Amino acid sequence: MAFVITSACIGEKHGDCAEVCPVDCIEEGEEMFFIDPDICIDCGACEAVCPVTAIFMEDEVPDEEHEYIELNRRFFEEK
């Protein structure tokens, strides 16, 4: 299980989440940040500092945001 960044991050890109991540699994994309699910250690540091409440545990992502689970995965697969 990993954390997932959702649509609230689009256009915001504050970067607080990437700064506190102890394993550097958060990377900046064109419009938002993404979390690498293969590296995330589920510590929750990023969720706690997100100023726009865009970060959720994968199993807690709101139904209308489920597409972001795959978008986070795909971002790292396409690199």
N, C-alpha and C. Protein backbone atom coordinates (compact mmCIF):
# COMPACT_ATOMS: atom_id res chain seq x y z
N MET A 1 0.85 -1.18 0.00
CA MET A 1 0.00 0.00 0.00
C MET A 1 0.89 1.24 0.00
N ALA A 2 0.53 2.22 -0.78
CA ALA A 2 1.31 3.45 -0.86
C ALA A 2 0.38 4.65 -0.74
N PHE A 3 0.96 5.79 -0.55
CA PHE A 3 0.20 7.02 -0.58
C PHE A 3 0.04 7.44 -2.04
N VAL A 4 -1.02 8.21 -2.32
CA VAL A 4 -1.34 8.63 -3.68
C VAL A 4 -1.64 10.12 -3.65
N ILE A 5 -1.10 10.84 -4.62
CA ILE A 5 -1.41 12.26 -4.75
C ILE A 5 -2.54 12.39 -5.76
N THR A 6 -3.55 13.17 -5.40
CA THR A 6 -4.77 13.29 -6.21
C THR A 6 -4.90 14.68 -6.85
N SER A 7 -6.05 14.93 -7.46
CA SER A 7 -6.28 16.12 -8.27
C SER A 7 -6.09 17.46 -7.55
N ALA A 8 -6.22 17.50 -6.25
CA ALA A 8 -6.06 18.76 -5.53
C ALA A 8 -4.66 19.34 -5.71
N CYS A 9 -3.70 18.53 -6.12
CA CYS A 9 -2.32 18.98 -6.33
C CYS A 9 -2.14 19.67 -7.69
N ILE A 10 -3.02 19.41 -8.62
CA ILE A 10 -2.85 19.97 -9.96
C ILE A 10 -2.77 21.49 -9.88
N GLY A 11 -1.69 22.03 -10.41
CA GLY A 11 -1.48 23.46 -10.43
C GLY A 11 -0.96 24.05 -9.12
N GLU A 12 -0.95 23.28 -8.06
CA GLU A 12 -0.50 23.77 -6.76
C GLU A 12 1.01 23.59 -6.60
N LYS A 13 1.44 22.35 -6.62
CA LYS A 13 2.85 21.99 -6.55
C LYS A 13 3.65 22.76 -5.49
N HIS A 14 3.17 22.72 -4.25
CA HIS A 14 3.88 23.39 -3.17
C HIS A 14 5.23 22.74 -2.88
N GLY A 15 5.32 21.43 -2.98
CA GLY A 15 6.58 20.72 -2.79
C GLY A 15 6.92 20.35 -1.36
N ASP A 16 6.07 20.73 -0.41
CA ASP A 16 6.33 20.38 0.98
C ASP A 16 6.45 18.86 1.14
N CYS A 17 5.62 18.13 0.41
CA CYS A 17 5.61 16.67 0.50
C CYS A 17 6.96 16.07 0.09
N ALA A 18 7.51 16.57 -1.00
CA ALA A 18 8.79 16.04 -1.49
C ALA A 18 9.92 16.36 -0.51
N GLU A 19 9.84 17.50 0.13
CA GLU A 19 10.89 17.91 1.06
C GLU A 19 10.96 17.01 2.29
N VAL A 20 9.81 16.51 2.75
CA VAL A 20 9.79 15.71 3.99
C VAL A 20 9.89 14.21 3.75
N CYS A 21 9.80 13.77 2.52
CA CYS A 21 9.82 12.33 2.23
C CYS A 21 11.20 11.74 2.56
N PRO A 22 11.26 10.78 3.47
CA PRO A 22 12.55 10.22 3.87
C PRO A 22 13.17 9.28 2.84
N VAL A 23 12.40 8.84 1.84
CA VAL A 23 12.94 7.92 0.84
C VAL A 23 12.93 8.51 -0.57
N ASP A 24 12.65 9.80 -0.68
CA ASP A 24 12.65 10.51 -1.97
C ASP A 24 11.81 9.82 -3.04
N CYS A 25 10.60 9.43 -2.68
CA CYS A 25 9.74 8.74 -3.64
C CYS A 25 8.75 9.69 -4.33
N ILE A 26 8.85 10.99 -4.05
CA ILE A 26 7.93 11.96 -4.64
C ILE A 26 8.68 12.79 -5.67
N GLU A 27 8.12 12.82 -6.87
CA GLU A 27 8.75 13.57 -7.95
C GLU A 27 7.76 14.53 -8.58
N GLU A 28 8.30 15.62 -9.09
CA GLU A 28 7.48 16.64 -9.71
C GLU A 28 7.22 16.31 -11.17
N GLY A 29 5.94 16.37 -11.54
CA GLY A 29 5.55 16.21 -12.92
C GLY A 29 5.23 17.57 -13.51
N GLU A 30 4.67 17.56 -14.70
CA GLU A 30 4.35 18.81 -15.36
C GLU A 30 3.33 19.66 -14.61
N GLU A 31 2.27 19.02 -14.11
CA GLU A 31 1.20 19.76 -13.45
C GLU A 31 1.06 19.47 -11.96
N MET A 32 1.70 18.40 -11.49
CA MET A 32 1.53 17.99 -10.10
C MET A 32 2.68 17.09 -9.67
N PHE A 33 2.70 16.72 -8.40
CA PHE A 33 3.67 15.76 -7.89
C PHE A 33 3.09 14.35 -7.94
N PHE A 34 3.97 13.36 -7.94
CA PHE A 34 3.57 11.95 -7.98
C PHE A 34 4.38 11.16 -6.97
N ILE A 35 3.78 10.11 -6.42
CA ILE A 35 4.45 9.23 -5.46
C ILE A 35 4.71 7.88 -6.12
N ASP A 36 5.95 7.43 -6.06
CA ASP A 36 6.32 6.13 -6.61
C ASP A 36 5.85 5.05 -5.64
N PRO A 37 4.85 4.24 -6.03
CA PRO A 37 4.31 3.23 -5.11
C PRO A 37 5.29 2.12 -4.77
N ASP A 38 6.33 1.95 -5.59
CA ASP A 38 7.31 0.90 -5.31
C ASP A 38 8.36 1.33 -4.29
N ILE A 39 8.45 2.62 -4.04
CA ILE A 39 9.44 3.14 -3.10
C ILE A 39 8.80 3.63 -1.81
N CYS A 40 7.57 4.10 -1.88
CA CYS A 40 6.86 4.66 -0.72
C CYS A 40 6.86 3.65 0.44
N ILE A 41 7.20 4.15 1.64
CA ILE A 41 7.24 3.27 2.82
C ILE A 41 6.04 3.53 3.75
N ASP A 42 5.05 4.25 3.26
CA ASP A 42 3.81 4.48 4.00
C ASP A 42 4.02 5.18 5.35
N CYS A 43 4.98 6.09 5.41
CA CYS A 43 5.26 6.75 6.70
C CYS A 43 4.26 7.86 7.02
N GLY A 44 3.63 8.44 6.00
CA GLY A 44 2.64 9.47 6.24
C GLY A 44 3.19 10.88 6.38
N ALA A 45 4.49 11.05 6.27
CA ALA A 45 5.08 12.39 6.42
C ALA A 45 4.53 13.36 5.38
N CYS A 46 4.36 12.89 4.17
CA CYS A 46 3.87 13.75 3.08
C CYS A 46 2.42 14.17 3.31
N GLU A 47 1.61 13.25 3.74
CA GLU A 47 0.20 13.54 3.98
C GLU A 47 0.03 14.63 5.03
N ALA A 48 0.84 14.57 6.05
CA ALA A 48 0.73 15.52 7.16
C ALA A 48 1.07 16.96 6.76
N VAL A 49 1.91 17.14 5.76
CA VAL A 49 2.33 18.50 5.39
C VAL A 49 1.65 19.04 4.13
N CYS A 50 0.84 18.26 3.49
CA CYS A 50 0.19 18.71 2.25
C CYS A 50 -0.81 19.83 2.55
N PRO A 51 -0.56 21.04 2.02
CA PRO A 51 -1.44 22.16 2.33
C PRO A 51 -2.79 22.13 1.61
N VAL A 52 -2.94 21.25 0.62
CA VAL A 52 -4.20 21.19 -0.13
C VAL A 52 -4.93 19.86 0.04
N THR A 53 -4.50 19.05 0.98
CA THR A 53 -5.12 17.76 1.29
C THR A 53 -5.28 16.91 0.03
N ALA A 54 -4.20 16.75 -0.70
CA ALA A 54 -4.22 15.99 -1.95
C ALA A 54 -3.70 14.56 -1.79
N ILE A 55 -3.18 14.21 -0.62
CA ILE A 55 -2.51 12.92 -0.44
C ILE A 55 -3.33 12.00 0.46
N PHE A 56 -3.52 10.77 -0.04
CA PHE A 56 -4.31 9.76 0.68
C PHE A 56 -3.60 8.42 0.62
N MET A 57 -3.85 7.58 1.63
CA MET A 57 -3.44 6.17 1.53
C MET A 57 -4.22 5.59 0.36
N GLU A 58 -3.62 4.67 -0.36
CA GLU A 58 -4.25 4.11 -1.56
C GLU A 58 -5.66 3.59 -1.29
N ASP A 59 -5.86 2.92 -0.17
CA ASP A 59 -7.19 2.36 0.10
C ASP A 59 -8.17 3.40 0.65
N GLU A 60 -7.72 4.65 0.82
CA GLU A 60 -8.59 5.72 1.30
C GLU A 60 -8.82 6.81 0.25
N VAL A 61 -8.32 6.60 -0.95
CA VAL A 61 -8.53 7.57 -2.02
C VAL A 61 -10.02 7.66 -2.31
N PRO A 62 -10.59 8.87 -2.33
CA PRO A 62 -12.02 9.01 -2.62
C PRO A 62 -12.37 8.39 -3.97
N ASP A 63 -13.57 7.83 -4.07
CA ASP A 63 -14.00 7.15 -5.30
C ASP A 63 -13.78 7.99 -6.54
N GLU A 64 -14.09 9.28 -6.47
CA GLU A 64 -13.97 10.13 -7.65
C GLU A 64 -12.52 10.45 -8.01
N GLU A 65 -11.57 10.00 -7.20
CA GLU A 65 -10.15 10.25 -7.44
C GLU A 65 -9.38 8.97 -7.76
N HIS A 66 -10.05 7.84 -7.91
CA HIS A 66 -9.38 6.55 -8.11
C HIS A 66 -8.46 6.51 -9.32
N GLU A 67 -8.73 7.31 -10.33
CA GLU A 67 -7.87 7.33 -11.53
C GLU A 67 -6.44 7.76 -11.17
N TYR A 68 -6.28 8.49 -10.06
CA TYR A 68 -4.96 8.97 -9.66
C TYR A 68 -4.08 7.85 -9.10
N ILE A 69 -4.66 6.78 -8.67
CA ILE A 69 -3.87 5.62 -8.23
C ILE A 69 -3.05 5.13 -9.41
N GLU A 70 -3.70 4.95 -10.54
CA GLU A 70 -3.02 4.49 -11.75
C GLU A 70 -2.11 5.57 -12.33
N LEU A 71 -2.52 6.82 -12.27
CA LEU A 71 -1.69 7.91 -12.81
C LEU A 71 -0.36 8.00 -12.06
N ASN A 72 -0.38 7.81 -10.74
CA ASN A 72 0.87 7.83 -9.98
C ASN A 72 1.77 6.68 -10.40
N ARG A 73 1.21 5.49 -10.58
CA ARG A 73 1.98 4.32 -11.01
C ARG A 73 2.58 4.55 -12.40
N ARG A 74 1.72 4.99 -13.30
CA ARG A 74 2.14 5.15 -14.69
C ARG A 74 3.23 6.21 -14.85
N PHE A 75 3.20 7.26 -14.04
CA PHE A 75 4.21 8.30 -14.11
C PHE A 75 5.61 7.70 -13.97
N PHE A 76 5.76 6.74 -13.08
CA PHE A 76 7.08 6.13 -12.83
C PHE A 76 7.39 5.01 -13.83
N GLU A 77 6.38 4.36 -14.38
CA GLU A 77 6.62 3.33 -15.37
C GLU A 77 7.08 3.92 -16.69
N GLU A 78 6.65 5.14 -16.99
CA GLU A 78 6.97 5.77 -18.27
C GLU A 78 8.27 6.54 -18.24
N LYS A 79 8.93 6.59 -17.12
CA LYS A 79 10.20 7.32 -17.01
C LYS A 79 11.32 6.61 -17.70
